Structures are given as C-alpha cells and as structure tokens.
Amino acid sequence: PAVAPVSADDTKGVKKKGLMGFTR
C-alpha cells in the first residue's frame, strides 16, 4: 500500500529534501 502524503512538519528525523507528496 502507498503511504499517504504527510506534512513535512509532521516528520521527525527524516531528510527534508525531496520530502513531498505526488498524485499517481
């Protein structure tokens, strides 16, 4: 299952560059 998009502010410890959602 595809992981649904989350806000970059709702992440911890994950590299911010290229942290985004897209529509398939």
PDBML (XML) file of the C-alpha atoms, coordinates in Angstrom:
<?xml version="1.0" encoding="UTF-8" ?>
<PDBx:datablock datablockName="MODEL"
   xmlns:PDBx="http://pdbml.pdb.org/schema/pdbx-v50.xsd"
   xmlns:xsi="http://www.w3.org/2001/XMLSchema-instance"
   xsi:schemaLocation="http://pdbml.pdb.org/schema/pdbx-v50.xsd pdbx-v50.xsd">
   <PDBx:atom_siteCategory>
      <PDBx:atom_site id="1">
         <PDBx:B_iso_or_equiv>0.00</PDBx:B_iso_or_equiv>
         <PDBx:Cartn_x>0.000</PDBx:Cartn_x>
         <PDBx:Cartn_y>0.000</PDBx:Cartn_y>
         <PDBx:Cartn_z>0.000</PDBx:Cartn_z>
         <PDBx:auth_asym_id>A</PDBx:auth_asym_id>
         <PDBx:auth_atom_id>CA</PDBx:auth_atom_id>
         <PDBx:auth_comp_id>PRO</PDBx:auth_comp_id>
         <PDBx:auth_seq_id>1</PDBx:auth_seq_id>
         <PDBx:group_PDB>ATOM</PDBx:group_PDB>
         <PDBx:label_alt_id xsi:nil="true" />
         <PDBx:label_asym_id>A</PDBx:label_asym_id>
         <PDBx:label_atom_id>CA</PDBx:label_atom_id>
         <PDBx:label_comp_id>PRO</PDBx:label_comp_id>
         <PDBx:label_entity_id>1</PDBx:label_entity_id>
         <PDBx:label_seq_id>1</PDBx:label_seq_id>
         <PDBx:occupancy>1.00</PDBx:occupancy>
         <PDBx:pdbx_PDB_model_num>1</PDBx:pdbx_PDB_model_num>
         <PDBx:type_symbol>C</PDBx:type_symbol>
      </PDBx:atom_site>
      <PDBx:atom_site id="2">
         <PDBx:B_iso_or_equiv>0.00</PDBx:B_iso_or_equiv>
         <PDBx:Cartn_x>1.142</PDBx:Cartn_x>
         <PDBx:Cartn_y>3.507</PDBx:Cartn_y>
         <PDBx:Cartn_z>-0.885</PDBx:Cartn_z>
         <PDBx:auth_asym_id>A</PDBx:auth_asym_id>
         <PDBx:auth_atom_id>CA</PDBx:auth_atom_id>
         <PDBx:auth_comp_id>ALA</PDBx:auth_comp_id>
         <PDBx:auth_seq_id>2</PDBx:auth_seq_id>
         <PDBx:group_PDB>ATOM</PDBx:group_PDB>
         <PDBx:label_alt_id xsi:nil="true" />
         <PDBx:label_asym_id>A</PDBx:label_asym_id>
         <PDBx:label_atom_id>CA</PDBx:label_atom_id>
         <PDBx:label_comp_id>ALA</PDBx:label_comp_id>
         <PDBx:label_entity_id>1</PDBx:label_entity_id>
         <PDBx:label_seq_id>2</PDBx:label_seq_id>
         <PDBx:occupancy>1.00</PDBx:occupancy>
         <PDBx:pdbx_PDB_model_num>1</PDBx:pdbx_PDB_model_num>
         <PDBx:type_symbol>C</PDBx:type_symbol>
      </PDBx:atom_site>
      <PDBx:atom_site id="3">
         <PDBx:B_iso_or_equiv>0.00</PDBx:B_iso_or_equiv>
         <PDBx:Cartn_x>1.922</PDBx:Cartn_x>
         <PDBx:Cartn_y>5.752</PDBx:Cartn_y>
         <PDBx:Cartn_z>2.079</PDBx:Cartn_z>
         <PDBx:auth_asym_id>A</PDBx:auth_asym_id>
         <PDBx:auth_atom_id>CA</PDBx:auth_atom_id>
         <PDBx:auth_comp_id>VAL</PDBx:auth_comp_id>
         <PDBx:auth_seq_id>3</PDBx:auth_seq_id>
         <PDBx:group_PDB>ATOM</PDBx:group_PDB>
         <PDBx:label_alt_id xsi:nil="true" />
         <PDBx:label_asym_id>A</PDBx:label_asym_id>
         <PDBx:label_atom_id>CA</PDBx:label_atom_id>
         <PDBx:label_comp_id>VAL</PDBx:label_comp_id>
         <PDBx:label_entity_id>1</PDBx:label_entity_id>
         <PDBx:label_seq_id>3</PDBx:label_seq_id>
         <PDBx:occupancy>1.00</PDBx:occupancy>
         <PDBx:pdbx_PDB_model_num>1</PDBx:pdbx_PDB_model_num>
         <PDBx:type_symbol>C</PDBx:type_symbol>
      </PDBx:atom_site>
      <PDBx:atom_site id="4">
         <PDBx:B_iso_or_equiv>0.00</PDBx:B_iso_or_equiv>
         <PDBx:Cartn_x>-0.386</PDBx:Cartn_x>
         <PDBx:Cartn_y>8.770</PDBx:Cartn_y>
         <PDBx:Cartn_z>2.019</PDBx:Cartn_z>
         <PDBx:auth_asym_id>A</PDBx:auth_asym_id>
         <PDBx:auth_atom_id>CA</PDBx:auth_atom_id>
         <PDBx:auth_comp_id>ALA</PDBx:auth_comp_id>
         <PDBx:auth_seq_id>4</PDBx:auth_seq_id>
         <PDBx:group_PDB>ATOM</PDBx:group_PDB>
         <PDBx:label_alt_id xsi:nil="true" />
         <PDBx:label_asym_id>A</PDBx:label_asym_id>
         <PDBx:label_atom_id>CA</PDBx:label_atom_id>
         <PDBx:label_comp_id>ALA</PDBx:label_comp_id>
         <PDBx:label_entity_id>1</PDBx:label_entity_id>
         <PDBx:label_seq_id>4</PDBx:label_seq_id>
         <PDBx:occupancy>1.00</PDBx:occupancy>
         <PDBx:pdbx_PDB_model_num>1</PDBx:pdbx_PDB_model_num>
         <PDBx:type_symbol>C</PDBx:type_symbol>
      </PDBx:atom_site>
      <PDBx:atom_site id="5">
         <PDBx:B_iso_or_equiv>0.00</PDBx:B_iso_or_equiv>
         <PDBx:Cartn_x>1.208</PDBx:Cartn_x>
         <PDBx:Cartn_y>12.257</PDBx:Cartn_y>
         <PDBx:Cartn_z>1.965</PDBx:Cartn_z>
         <PDBx:auth_asym_id>A</PDBx:auth_asym_id>
         <PDBx:auth_atom_id>CA</PDBx:auth_atom_id>
         <PDBx:auth_comp_id>PRO</PDBx:auth_comp_id>
         <PDBx:auth_seq_id>5</PDBx:auth_seq_id>
         <PDBx:group_PDB>ATOM</PDBx:group_PDB>
         <PDBx:label_alt_id xsi:nil="true" />
         <PDBx:label_asym_id>A</PDBx:label_asym_id>
         <PDBx:label_atom_id>CA</PDBx:label_atom_id>
         <PDBx:label_comp_id>PRO</PDBx:label_comp_id>
         <PDBx:label_entity_id>1</PDBx:label_entity_id>
         <PDBx:label_seq_id>5</PDBx:label_seq_id>
         <PDBx:occupancy>1.00</PDBx:occupancy>
         <PDBx:pdbx_PDB_model_num>1</PDBx:pdbx_PDB_model_num>
         <PDBx:type_symbol>C</PDBx:type_symbol>
      </PDBx:atom_site>
      <PDBx:atom_site id="6">
         <PDBx:B_iso_or_equiv>0.00</PDBx:B_iso_or_equiv>
         <PDBx:Cartn_x>2.047</PDBx:Cartn_x>
         <PDBx:Cartn_y>13.900</PDBx:Cartn_y>
         <PDBx:Cartn_z>5.278</PDBx:Cartn_z>
         <PDBx:auth_asym_id>A</PDBx:auth_asym_id>
         <PDBx:auth_atom_id>CA</PDBx:auth_atom_id>
         <PDBx:auth_comp_id>VAL</PDBx:auth_comp_id>
         <PDBx:auth_seq_id>6</PDBx:auth_seq_id>
         <PDBx:group_PDB>ATOM</PDBx:group_PDB>
         <PDBx:label_alt_id xsi:nil="true" />
         <PDBx:label_asym_id>A</PDBx:label_asym_id>
         <PDBx:label_atom_id>CA</PDBx:label_atom_id>
         <PDBx:label_comp_id>VAL</PDBx:label_comp_id>
         <PDBx:label_entity_id>1</PDBx:label_entity_id>
         <PDBx:label_seq_id>6</PDBx:label_seq_id>
         <PDBx:occupancy>1.00</PDBx:occupancy>
         <PDBx:pdbx_PDB_model_num>1</PDBx:pdbx_PDB_model_num>
         <PDBx:type_symbol>C</PDBx:type_symbol>
      </PDBx:atom_site>
      <PDBx:atom_site id="7">
         <PDBx:B_iso_or_equiv>0.00</PDBx:B_iso_or_equiv>
         <PDBx:Cartn_x>3.193</PDBx:Cartn_x>
         <PDBx:Cartn_y>17.418</PDBx:Cartn_y>
         <PDBx:Cartn_z>6.043</PDBx:Cartn_z>
         <PDBx:auth_asym_id>A</PDBx:auth_asym_id>
         <PDBx:auth_atom_id>CA</PDBx:auth_atom_id>
         <PDBx:auth_comp_id>SER</PDBx:auth_comp_id>
         <PDBx:auth_seq_id>7</PDBx:auth_seq_id>
         <PDBx:group_PDB>ATOM</PDBx:group_PDB>
         <PDBx:label_alt_id xsi:nil="true" />
         <PDBx:label_asym_id>A</PDBx:label_asym_id>
         <PDBx:label_atom_id>CA</PDBx:label_atom_id>
         <PDBx:label_comp_id>SER</PDBx:label_comp_id>
         <PDBx:label_entity_id>1</PDBx:label_entity_id>
         <PDBx:label_seq_id>7</PDBx:label_seq_id>
         <PDBx:occupancy>1.00</PDBx:occupancy>
         <PDBx:pdbx_PDB_model_num>1</PDBx:pdbx_PDB_model_num>
         <PDBx:type_symbol>C</PDBx:type_symbol>
      </PDBx:atom_site>
      <PDBx:atom_site id="8">
         <PDBx:B_iso_or_equiv>0.00</PDBx:B_iso_or_equiv>
         <PDBx:Cartn_x>6.958</PDBx:Cartn_x>
         <PDBx:Cartn_y>17.932</PDBx:Cartn_y>
         <PDBx:Cartn_z>6.247</PDBx:Cartn_z>
         <PDBx:auth_asym_id>A</PDBx:auth_asym_id>
         <PDBx:auth_atom_id>CA</PDBx:auth_atom_id>
         <PDBx:auth_comp_id>ALA</PDBx:auth_comp_id>
         <PDBx:auth_seq_id>8</PDBx:auth_seq_id>
         <PDBx:group_PDB>ATOM</PDBx:group_PDB>
         <PDBx:label_alt_id xsi:nil="true" />
         <PDBx:label_asym_id>A</PDBx:label_asym_id>
         <PDBx:label_atom_id>CA</PDBx:label_atom_id>
         <PDBx:label_comp_id>ALA</PDBx:label_comp_id>
         <PDBx:label_entity_id>1</PDBx:label_entity_id>
         <PDBx:label_seq_id>8</PDBx:label_seq_id>
         <PDBx:occupancy>1.00</PDBx:occupancy>
         <PDBx:pdbx_PDB_model_num>1</PDBx:pdbx_PDB_model_num>
         <PDBx:type_symbol>C</PDBx:type_symbol>
      </PDBx:atom_site>
      <PDBx:atom_site id="9">
         <PDBx:B_iso_or_equiv>0.00</PDBx:B_iso_or_equiv>
         <PDBx:Cartn_x>6.286</PDBx:Cartn_x>
         <PDBx:Cartn_y>19.401</PDBx:Cartn_y>
         <PDBx:Cartn_z>9.689</PDBx:Cartn_z>
         <PDBx:auth_asym_id>A</PDBx:auth_asym_id>
         <PDBx:auth_atom_id>CA</PDBx:auth_atom_id>
         <PDBx:auth_comp_id>ASP</PDBx:auth_comp_id>
         <PDBx:auth_seq_id>9</PDBx:auth_seq_id>
         <PDBx:group_PDB>ATOM</PDBx:group_PDB>
         <PDBx:label_alt_id xsi:nil="true" />
         <PDBx:label_asym_id>A</PDBx:label_asym_id>
         <PDBx:label_atom_id>CA</PDBx:label_atom_id>
         <PDBx:label_comp_id>ASP</PDBx:label_comp_id>
         <PDBx:label_entity_id>1</PDBx:label_entity_id>
         <PDBx:label_seq_id>9</PDBx:label_seq_id>
         <PDBx:occupancy>1.00</PDBx:occupancy>
         <PDBx:pdbx_PDB_model_num>1</PDBx:pdbx_PDB_model_num>
         <PDBx:type_symbol>C</PDBx:type_symbol>
      </PDBx:atom_site>
      <PDBx:atom_site id="10">
         <PDBx:B_iso_or_equiv>0.00</PDBx:B_iso_or_equiv>
         <PDBx:Cartn_x>4.715</PDBx:Cartn_x>
         <PDBx:Cartn_y>16.079</PDBx:Cartn_y>
         <PDBx:Cartn_z>10.701</PDBx:Cartn_z>
         <PDBx:auth_asym_id>A</PDBx:auth_asym_id>
         <PDBx:auth_atom_id>CA</PDBx:auth_atom_id>
         <PDBx:auth_comp_id>ASP</PDBx:auth_comp_id>
         <PDBx:auth_seq_id>10</PDBx:auth_seq_id>
         <PDBx:group_PDB>ATOM</PDBx:group_PDB>
         <PDBx:label_alt_id xsi:nil="true" />
         <PDBx:label_asym_id>A</PDBx:label_asym_id>
         <PDBx:label_atom_id>CA</PDBx:label_atom_id>
         <PDBx:label_comp_id>ASP</PDBx:label_comp_id>
         <PDBx:label_entity_id>1</PDBx:label_entity_id>
         <PDBx:label_seq_id>10</PDBx:label_seq_id>
         <PDBx:occupancy>1.00</PDBx:occupancy>
         <PDBx:pdbx_PDB_model_num>1</PDBx:pdbx_PDB_model_num>
         <PDBx:type_symbol>C</PDBx:type_symbol>
      </PDBx:atom_site>
      <PDBx:atom_site id="11">
         <PDBx:B_iso_or_equiv>0.00</PDBx:B_iso_or_equiv>
         <PDBx:Cartn_x>8.016</PDBx:Cartn_x>
         <PDBx:Cartn_y>14.200</PDBx:Cartn_y>
         <PDBx:Cartn_z>10.366</PDBx:Cartn_z>
         <PDBx:auth_asym_id>A</PDBx:auth_asym_id>
         <PDBx:auth_atom_id>CA</PDBx:auth_atom_id>
         <PDBx:auth_comp_id>THR</PDBx:auth_comp_id>
         <PDBx:auth_seq_id>11</PDBx:auth_seq_id>
         <PDBx:group_PDB>ATOM</PDBx:group_PDB>
         <PDBx:label_alt_id xsi:nil="true" />
         <PDBx:label_asym_id>A</PDBx:label_asym_id>
         <PDBx:label_atom_id>CA</PDBx:label_atom_id>
         <PDBx:label_comp_id>THR</PDBx:label_comp_id>
         <PDBx:label_entity_id>1</PDBx:label_entity_id>
         <PDBx:label_seq_id>11</PDBx:label_seq_id>
         <PDBx:occupancy>1.00</PDBx:occupancy>
         <PDBx:pdbx_PDB_model_num>1</PDBx:pdbx_PDB_model_num>
         <PDBx:type_symbol>C</PDBx:type_symbol>
      </PDBx:atom_site>
      <PDBx:atom_site id="12">
         <PDBx:B_iso_or_equiv>0.00</PDBx:B_iso_or_equiv>
         <PDBx:Cartn_x>10.940</PDBx:Cartn_x>
         <PDBx:Cartn_y>13.573</PDBx:Cartn_y>
         <PDBx:Cartn_z>12.687</PDBx:Cartn_z>
         <PDBx:auth_asym_id>A</PDBx:auth_asym_id>
         <PDBx:auth_atom_id>CA</PDBx:auth_atom_id>
         <PDBx:auth_comp_id>LYS</PDBx:auth_comp_id>
         <PDBx:auth_seq_id>12</PDBx:auth_seq_id>
         <PDBx:group_PDB>ATOM</PDBx:group_PDB>
         <PDBx:label_alt_id xsi:nil="true" />
         <PDBx:label_asym_id>A</PDBx:label_asym_id>
         <PDBx:label_atom_id>CA</PDBx:label_atom_id>
         <PDBx:label_comp_id>LYS</PDBx:label_comp_id>
         <PDBx:label_entity_id>1</PDBx:label_entity_id>
         <PDBx:label_seq_id>12</PDBx:label_seq_id>
         <PDBx:occupancy>1.00</PDBx:occupancy>
         <PDBx:pdbx_PDB_model_num>1</PDBx:pdbx_PDB_model_num>
         <PDBx:type_symbol>C</PDBx:type_symbol>
      </PDBx:atom_site>
      <PDBx:atom_site id="13">
         <PDBx:B_iso_or_equiv>0.00</PDBx:B_iso_or_equiv>
         <PDBx:Cartn_x>14.463</PDBx:Cartn_x>
         <PDBx:Cartn_y>12.542</PDBx:Cartn_y>
         <PDBx:Cartn_z>11.747</PDBx:Cartn_z>
         <PDBx:auth_asym_id>A</PDBx:auth_asym_id>
         <PDBx:auth_atom_id>CA</PDBx:auth_atom_id>
         <PDBx:auth_comp_id>GLY</PDBx:auth_comp_id>
         <PDBx:auth_seq_id>13</PDBx:auth_seq_id>
         <PDBx:group_PDB>ATOM</PDBx:group_PDB>
         <PDBx:label_alt_id xsi:nil="true" />
         <PDBx:label_asym_id>A</PDBx:label_asym_id>
         <PDBx:label_atom_id>CA</PDBx:label_atom_id>
         <PDBx:label_comp_id>GLY</PDBx:label_comp_id>
         <PDBx:label_entity_id>1</PDBx:label_entity_id>
         <PDBx:label_seq_id>13</PDBx:label_seq_id>
         <PDBx:occupancy>1.00</PDBx:occupancy>
         <PDBx:pdbx_PDB_model_num>1</PDBx:pdbx_PDB_model_num>
         <PDBx:type_symbol>C</PDBx:type_symbol>
      </PDBx:atom_site>
      <PDBx:atom_site id="14">
         <PDBx:B_iso_or_equiv>0.00</PDBx:B_iso_or_equiv>
         <PDBx:Cartn_x>13.696</PDBx:Cartn_x>
         <PDBx:Cartn_y>12.229</PDBx:Cartn_y>
         <PDBx:Cartn_z>8.024</PDBx:Cartn_z>
         <PDBx:auth_asym_id>A</PDBx:auth_asym_id>
         <PDBx:auth_atom_id>CA</PDBx:auth_atom_id>
         <PDBx:auth_comp_id>VAL</PDBx:auth_comp_id>
         <PDBx:auth_seq_id>14</PDBx:auth_seq_id>
         <PDBx:group_PDB>ATOM</PDBx:group_PDB>
         <PDBx:label_alt_id xsi:nil="true" />
         <PDBx:label_asym_id>A</PDBx:label_asym_id>
         <PDBx:label_atom_id>CA</PDBx:label_atom_id>
         <PDBx:label_comp_id>VAL</PDBx:label_comp_id>
         <PDBx:label_entity_id>1</PDBx:label_entity_id>
         <PDBx:label_seq_id>14</PDBx:label_seq_id>
         <PDBx:occupancy>1.00</PDBx:occupancy>
         <PDBx:pdbx_PDB_model_num>1</PDBx:pdbx_PDB_model_num>
         <PDBx:type_symbol>C</PDBx:type_symbol>
      </PDBx:atom_site>
      <PDBx:atom_site id="15">
         <PDBx:B_iso_or_equiv>0.00</PDBx:B_iso_or_equiv>
         <PDBx:Cartn_x>15.711</PDBx:Cartn_x>
         <PDBx:Cartn_y>14.256</PDBx:Cartn_y>
         <PDBx:Cartn_z>5.497</PDBx:Cartn_z>
         <PDBx:auth_asym_id>A</PDBx:auth_asym_id>
         <PDBx:auth_atom_id>CA</PDBx:auth_atom_id>
         <PDBx:auth_comp_id>LYS</PDBx:auth_comp_id>
         <PDBx:auth_seq_id>15</PDBx:auth_seq_id>
         <PDBx:group_PDB>ATOM</PDBx:group_PDB>
         <PDBx:label_alt_id xsi:nil="true" />
         <PDBx:label_asym_id>A</PDBx:label_asym_id>
         <PDBx:label_atom_id>CA</PDBx:label_atom_id>
         <PDBx:label_comp_id>LYS</PDBx:label_comp_id>
         <PDBx:label_entity_id>1</PDBx:label_entity_id>
         <PDBx:label_seq_id>15</PDBx:label_seq_id>
         <PDBx:occupancy>1.00</PDBx:occupancy>
         <PDBx:pdbx_PDB_model_num>1</PDBx:pdbx_PDB_model_num>
         <PDBx:type_symbol>C</PDBx:type_symbol>
      </PDBx:atom_site>
      <PDBx:atom_site id="16">
         <PDBx:B_iso_or_equiv>0.00</PDBx:B_iso_or_equiv>
         <PDBx:Cartn_x>13.608</PDBx:Cartn_x>
         <PDBx:Cartn_y>17.244</PDBx:Cartn_y>
         <PDBx:Cartn_z>4.406</PDBx:Cartn_z>
         <PDBx:auth_asym_id>A</PDBx:auth_asym_id>
         <PDBx:auth_atom_id>CA</PDBx:auth_atom_id>
         <PDBx:auth_comp_id>LYS</PDBx:auth_comp_id>
         <PDBx:auth_seq_id>16</PDBx:auth_seq_id>
         <PDBx:group_PDB>ATOM</PDBx:group_PDB>
         <PDBx:label_alt_id xsi:nil="true" />
         <PDBx:label_asym_id>A</PDBx:label_asym_id>
         <PDBx:label_atom_id>CA</PDBx:label_atom_id>
         <PDBx:label_comp_id>LYS</PDBx:label_comp_id>
         <PDBx:label_entity_id>1</PDBx:label_entity_id>
         <PDBx:label_seq_id>16</PDBx:label_seq_id>
         <PDBx:occupancy>1.00</PDBx:occupancy>
         <PDBx:pdbx_PDB_model_num>1</PDBx:pdbx_PDB_model_num>
         <PDBx:type_symbol>C</PDBx:type_symbol>
      </PDBx:atom_site>
      <PDBx:atom_site id="17">
         <PDBx:B_iso_or_equiv>0.00</PDBx:B_iso_or_equiv>
         <PDBx:Cartn_x>14.937</PDBx:Cartn_x>
         <PDBx:Cartn_y>17.447</PDBx:Cartn_y>
         <PDBx:Cartn_z>0.847</PDBx:Cartn_z>
         <PDBx:auth_asym_id>A</PDBx:auth_asym_id>
         <PDBx:auth_atom_id>CA</PDBx:auth_atom_id>
         <PDBx:auth_comp_id>LYS</PDBx:auth_comp_id>
         <PDBx:auth_seq_id>17</PDBx:auth_seq_id>
         <PDBx:group_PDB>ATOM</PDBx:group_PDB>
         <PDBx:label_alt_id xsi:nil="true" />
         <PDBx:label_asym_id>A</PDBx:label_asym_id>
         <PDBx:label_atom_id>CA</PDBx:label_atom_id>
         <PDBx:label_comp_id>LYS</PDBx:label_comp_id>
         <PDBx:label_entity_id>1</PDBx:label_entity_id>
         <PDBx:label_seq_id>17</PDBx:label_seq_id>
         <PDBx:occupancy>1.00</PDBx:occupancy>
         <PDBx:pdbx_PDB_model_num>1</PDBx:pdbx_PDB_model_num>
         <PDBx:type_symbol>C</PDBx:type_symbol>
      </PDBx:atom_site>
      <PDBx:atom_site id="18">
         <PDBx:B_iso_or_equiv>0.00</PDBx:B_iso_or_equiv>
         <PDBx:Cartn_x>12.521</PDBx:Cartn_x>
         <PDBx:Cartn_y>15.809</PDBx:Cartn_y>
         <PDBx:Cartn_z>-1.575</PDBx:Cartn_z>
         <PDBx:auth_asym_id>A</PDBx:auth_asym_id>
         <PDBx:auth_atom_id>CA</PDBx:auth_atom_id>
         <PDBx:auth_comp_id>GLY</PDBx:auth_comp_id>
         <PDBx:auth_seq_id>18</PDBx:auth_seq_id>
         <PDBx:group_PDB>ATOM</PDBx:group_PDB>
         <PDBx:label_alt_id xsi:nil="true" />
         <PDBx:label_asym_id>A</PDBx:label_asym_id>
         <PDBx:label_atom_id>CA</PDBx:label_atom_id>
         <PDBx:label_comp_id>GLY</PDBx:label_comp_id>
         <PDBx:label_entity_id>1</PDBx:label_entity_id>
         <PDBx:label_seq_id>18</PDBx:label_seq_id>
         <PDBx:occupancy>1.00</PDBx:occupancy>
         <PDBx:pdbx_PDB_model_num>1</PDBx:pdbx_PDB_model_num>
         <PDBx:type_symbol>C</PDBx:type_symbol>
      </PDBx:atom_site>
      <PDBx:atom_site id="19">
         <PDBx:B_iso_or_equiv>0.00</PDBx:B_iso_or_equiv>
         <PDBx:Cartn_x>10.011</PDBx:Cartn_x>
         <PDBx:Cartn_y>15.153</PDBx:Cartn_y>
         <PDBx:Cartn_z>1.200</PDBx:Cartn_z>
         <PDBx:auth_asym_id>A</PDBx:auth_asym_id>
         <PDBx:auth_atom_id>CA</PDBx:auth_atom_id>
         <PDBx:auth_comp_id>LEU</PDBx:auth_comp_id>
         <PDBx:auth_seq_id>19</PDBx:auth_seq_id>
         <PDBx:group_PDB>ATOM</PDBx:group_PDB>
         <PDBx:label_alt_id xsi:nil="true" />
         <PDBx:label_asym_id>A</PDBx:label_asym_id>
         <PDBx:label_atom_id>CA</PDBx:label_atom_id>
         <PDBx:label_comp_id>LEU</PDBx:label_comp_id>
         <PDBx:label_entity_id>1</PDBx:label_entity_id>
         <PDBx:label_seq_id>19</PDBx:label_seq_id>
         <PDBx:occupancy>1.00</PDBx:occupancy>
         <PDBx:pdbx_PDB_model_num>1</PDBx:pdbx_PDB_model_num>
         <PDBx:type_symbol>C</PDBx:type_symbol>
      </PDBx:atom_site>
      <PDBx:atom_site id="20">
         <PDBx:B_iso_or_equiv>0.00</PDBx:B_iso_or_equiv>
         <PDBx:Cartn_x>6.742</PDBx:Cartn_x>
         <PDBx:Cartn_y>15.669</PDBx:Cartn_y>
         <PDBx:Cartn_z>-0.659</PDBx:Cartn_z>
         <PDBx:auth_asym_id>A</PDBx:auth_asym_id>
         <PDBx:auth_atom_id>CA</PDBx:auth_atom_id>
         <PDBx:auth_comp_id>MET</PDBx:auth_comp_id>
         <PDBx:auth_seq_id>20</PDBx:auth_seq_id>
         <PDBx:group_PDB>ATOM</PDBx:group_PDB>
         <PDBx:label_alt_id xsi:nil="true" />
         <PDBx:label_asym_id>A</PDBx:label_asym_id>
         <PDBx:label_atom_id>CA</PDBx:label_atom_id>
         <PDBx:label_comp_id>MET</PDBx:label_comp_id>
         <PDBx:label_entity_id>1</PDBx:label_entity_id>
         <PDBx:label_seq_id>20</PDBx:label_seq_id>
         <PDBx:occupancy>1.00</PDBx:occupancy>
         <PDBx:pdbx_PDB_model_num>1</PDBx:pdbx_PDB_model_num>
         <PDBx:type_symbol>C</PDBx:type_symbol>
      </PDBx:atom_site>
      <PDBx:atom_site id="21">
         <PDBx:B_iso_or_equiv>0.00</PDBx:B_iso_or_equiv>
         <PDBx:Cartn_x>3.603</PDBx:Cartn_x>
         <PDBx:Cartn_y>14.050</PDBx:Cartn_y>
         <PDBx:Cartn_z>-1.992</PDBx:Cartn_z>
         <PDBx:auth_asym_id>A</PDBx:auth_asym_id>
         <PDBx:auth_atom_id>CA</PDBx:auth_atom_id>
         <PDBx:auth_comp_id>GLY</PDBx:auth_comp_id>
         <PDBx:auth_seq_id>21</PDBx:auth_seq_id>
         <PDBx:group_PDB>ATOM</PDBx:group_PDB>
         <PDBx:label_alt_id xsi:nil="true" />
         <PDBx:label_asym_id>A</PDBx:label_asym_id>
         <PDBx:label_atom_id>CA</PDBx:label_atom_id>
         <PDBx:label_comp_id>GLY</PDBx:label_comp_id>
         <PDBx:label_entity_id>1</PDBx:label_entity_id>
         <PDBx:label_seq_id>21</PDBx:label_seq_id>
         <PDBx:occupancy>1.00</PDBx:occupancy>
         <PDBx:pdbx_PDB_model_num>1</PDBx:pdbx_PDB_model_num>
         <PDBx:type_symbol>C</PDBx:type_symbol>
      </PDBx:atom_site>
      <PDBx:atom_site id="22">
         <PDBx:B_iso_or_equiv>0.00</PDBx:B_iso_or_equiv>
         <PDBx:Cartn_x>2.526</PDBx:Cartn_x>
         <PDBx:Cartn_y>13.403</PDBx:Cartn_y>
         <PDBx:Cartn_z>-5.576</PDBx:Cartn_z>
         <PDBx:auth_asym_id>A</PDBx:auth_asym_id>
         <PDBx:auth_atom_id>CA</PDBx:auth_atom_id>
         <PDBx:auth_comp_id>PHE</PDBx:auth_comp_id>
         <PDBx:auth_seq_id>22</PDBx:auth_seq_id>
         <PDBx:group_PDB>ATOM</PDBx:group_PDB>
         <PDBx:label_alt_id xsi:nil="true" />
         <PDBx:label_asym_id>A</PDBx:label_asym_id>
         <PDBx:label_atom_id>CA</PDBx:label_atom_id>
         <PDBx:label_comp_id>PHE</PDBx:label_comp_id>
         <PDBx:label_entity_id>1</PDBx:label_entity_id>
         <PDBx:label_seq_id>22</PDBx:label_seq_id>
         <PDBx:occupancy>1.00</PDBx:occupancy>
         <PDBx:pdbx_PDB_model_num>1</PDBx:pdbx_PDB_model_num>
         <PDBx:type_symbol>C</PDBx:type_symbol>
      </PDBx:atom_site>
      <PDBx:atom_site id="23">
         <PDBx:B_iso_or_equiv>0.00</PDBx:B_iso_or_equiv>
         <PDBx:Cartn_x>-0.575</PDBx:Cartn_x>
         <PDBx:Cartn_y>12.174</PDBx:Cartn_y>
         <PDBx:Cartn_z>-7.372</PDBx:Cartn_z>
         <PDBx:auth_asym_id>A</PDBx:auth_asym_id>
         <PDBx:auth_atom_id>CA</PDBx:auth_atom_id>
         <PDBx:auth_comp_id>THR</PDBx:auth_comp_id>
         <PDBx:auth_seq_id>23</PDBx:auth_seq_id>
         <PDBx:group_PDB>ATOM</PDBx:group_PDB>
         <PDBx:label_alt_id xsi:nil="true" />
         <PDBx:label_asym_id>A</PDBx:label_asym_id>
         <PDBx:label_atom_id>CA</PDBx:label_atom_id>
         <PDBx:label_comp_id>THR</PDBx:label_comp_id>
         <PDBx:label_entity_id>1</PDBx:label_entity_id>
         <PDBx:label_seq_id>23</PDBx:label_seq_id>
         <PDBx:occupancy>1.00</PDBx:occupancy>
         <PDBx:pdbx_PDB_model_num>1</PDBx:pdbx_PDB_model_num>
         <PDBx:type_symbol>C</PDBx:type_symbol>
      </PDBx:atom_site>
      <PDBx:atom_site id="24">
         <PDBx:B_iso_or_equiv>0.00</PDBx:B_iso_or_equiv>
         <PDBx:Cartn_x>-0.270</PDBx:Cartn_x>
         <PDBx:Cartn_y>8.847</PDBx:Cartn_y>
         <PDBx:Cartn_z>-9.177</PDBx:Cartn_z>
         <PDBx:auth_asym_id>A</PDBx:auth_asym_id>
         <PDBx:auth_atom_id>CA</PDBx:auth_atom_id>
         <PDBx:auth_comp_id>ARG</PDBx:auth_comp_id>
         <PDBx:auth_seq_id>24</PDBx:auth_seq_id>
         <PDBx:group_PDB>ATOM</PDBx:group_PDB>
         <PDBx:label_alt_id xsi:nil="true" />
         <PDBx:label_asym_id>A</PDBx:label_asym_id>
         <PDBx:label_atom_id>CA</PDBx:label_atom_id>
         <PDBx:label_comp_id>ARG</PDBx:label_comp_id>
         <PDBx:label_entity_id>1</PDBx:label_entity_id>
         <PDBx:label_seq_id>24</PDBx:label_seq_id>
         <PDBx:occupancy>1.00</PDBx:occupancy>
         <PDBx:pdbx_PDB_model_num>1</PDBx:pdbx_PDB_model_num>
         <PDBx:type_symbol>C</PDBx:type_symbol>
      </PDBx:atom_site>
   </PDBx:atom_siteCategory>
</PDBx:datablock>
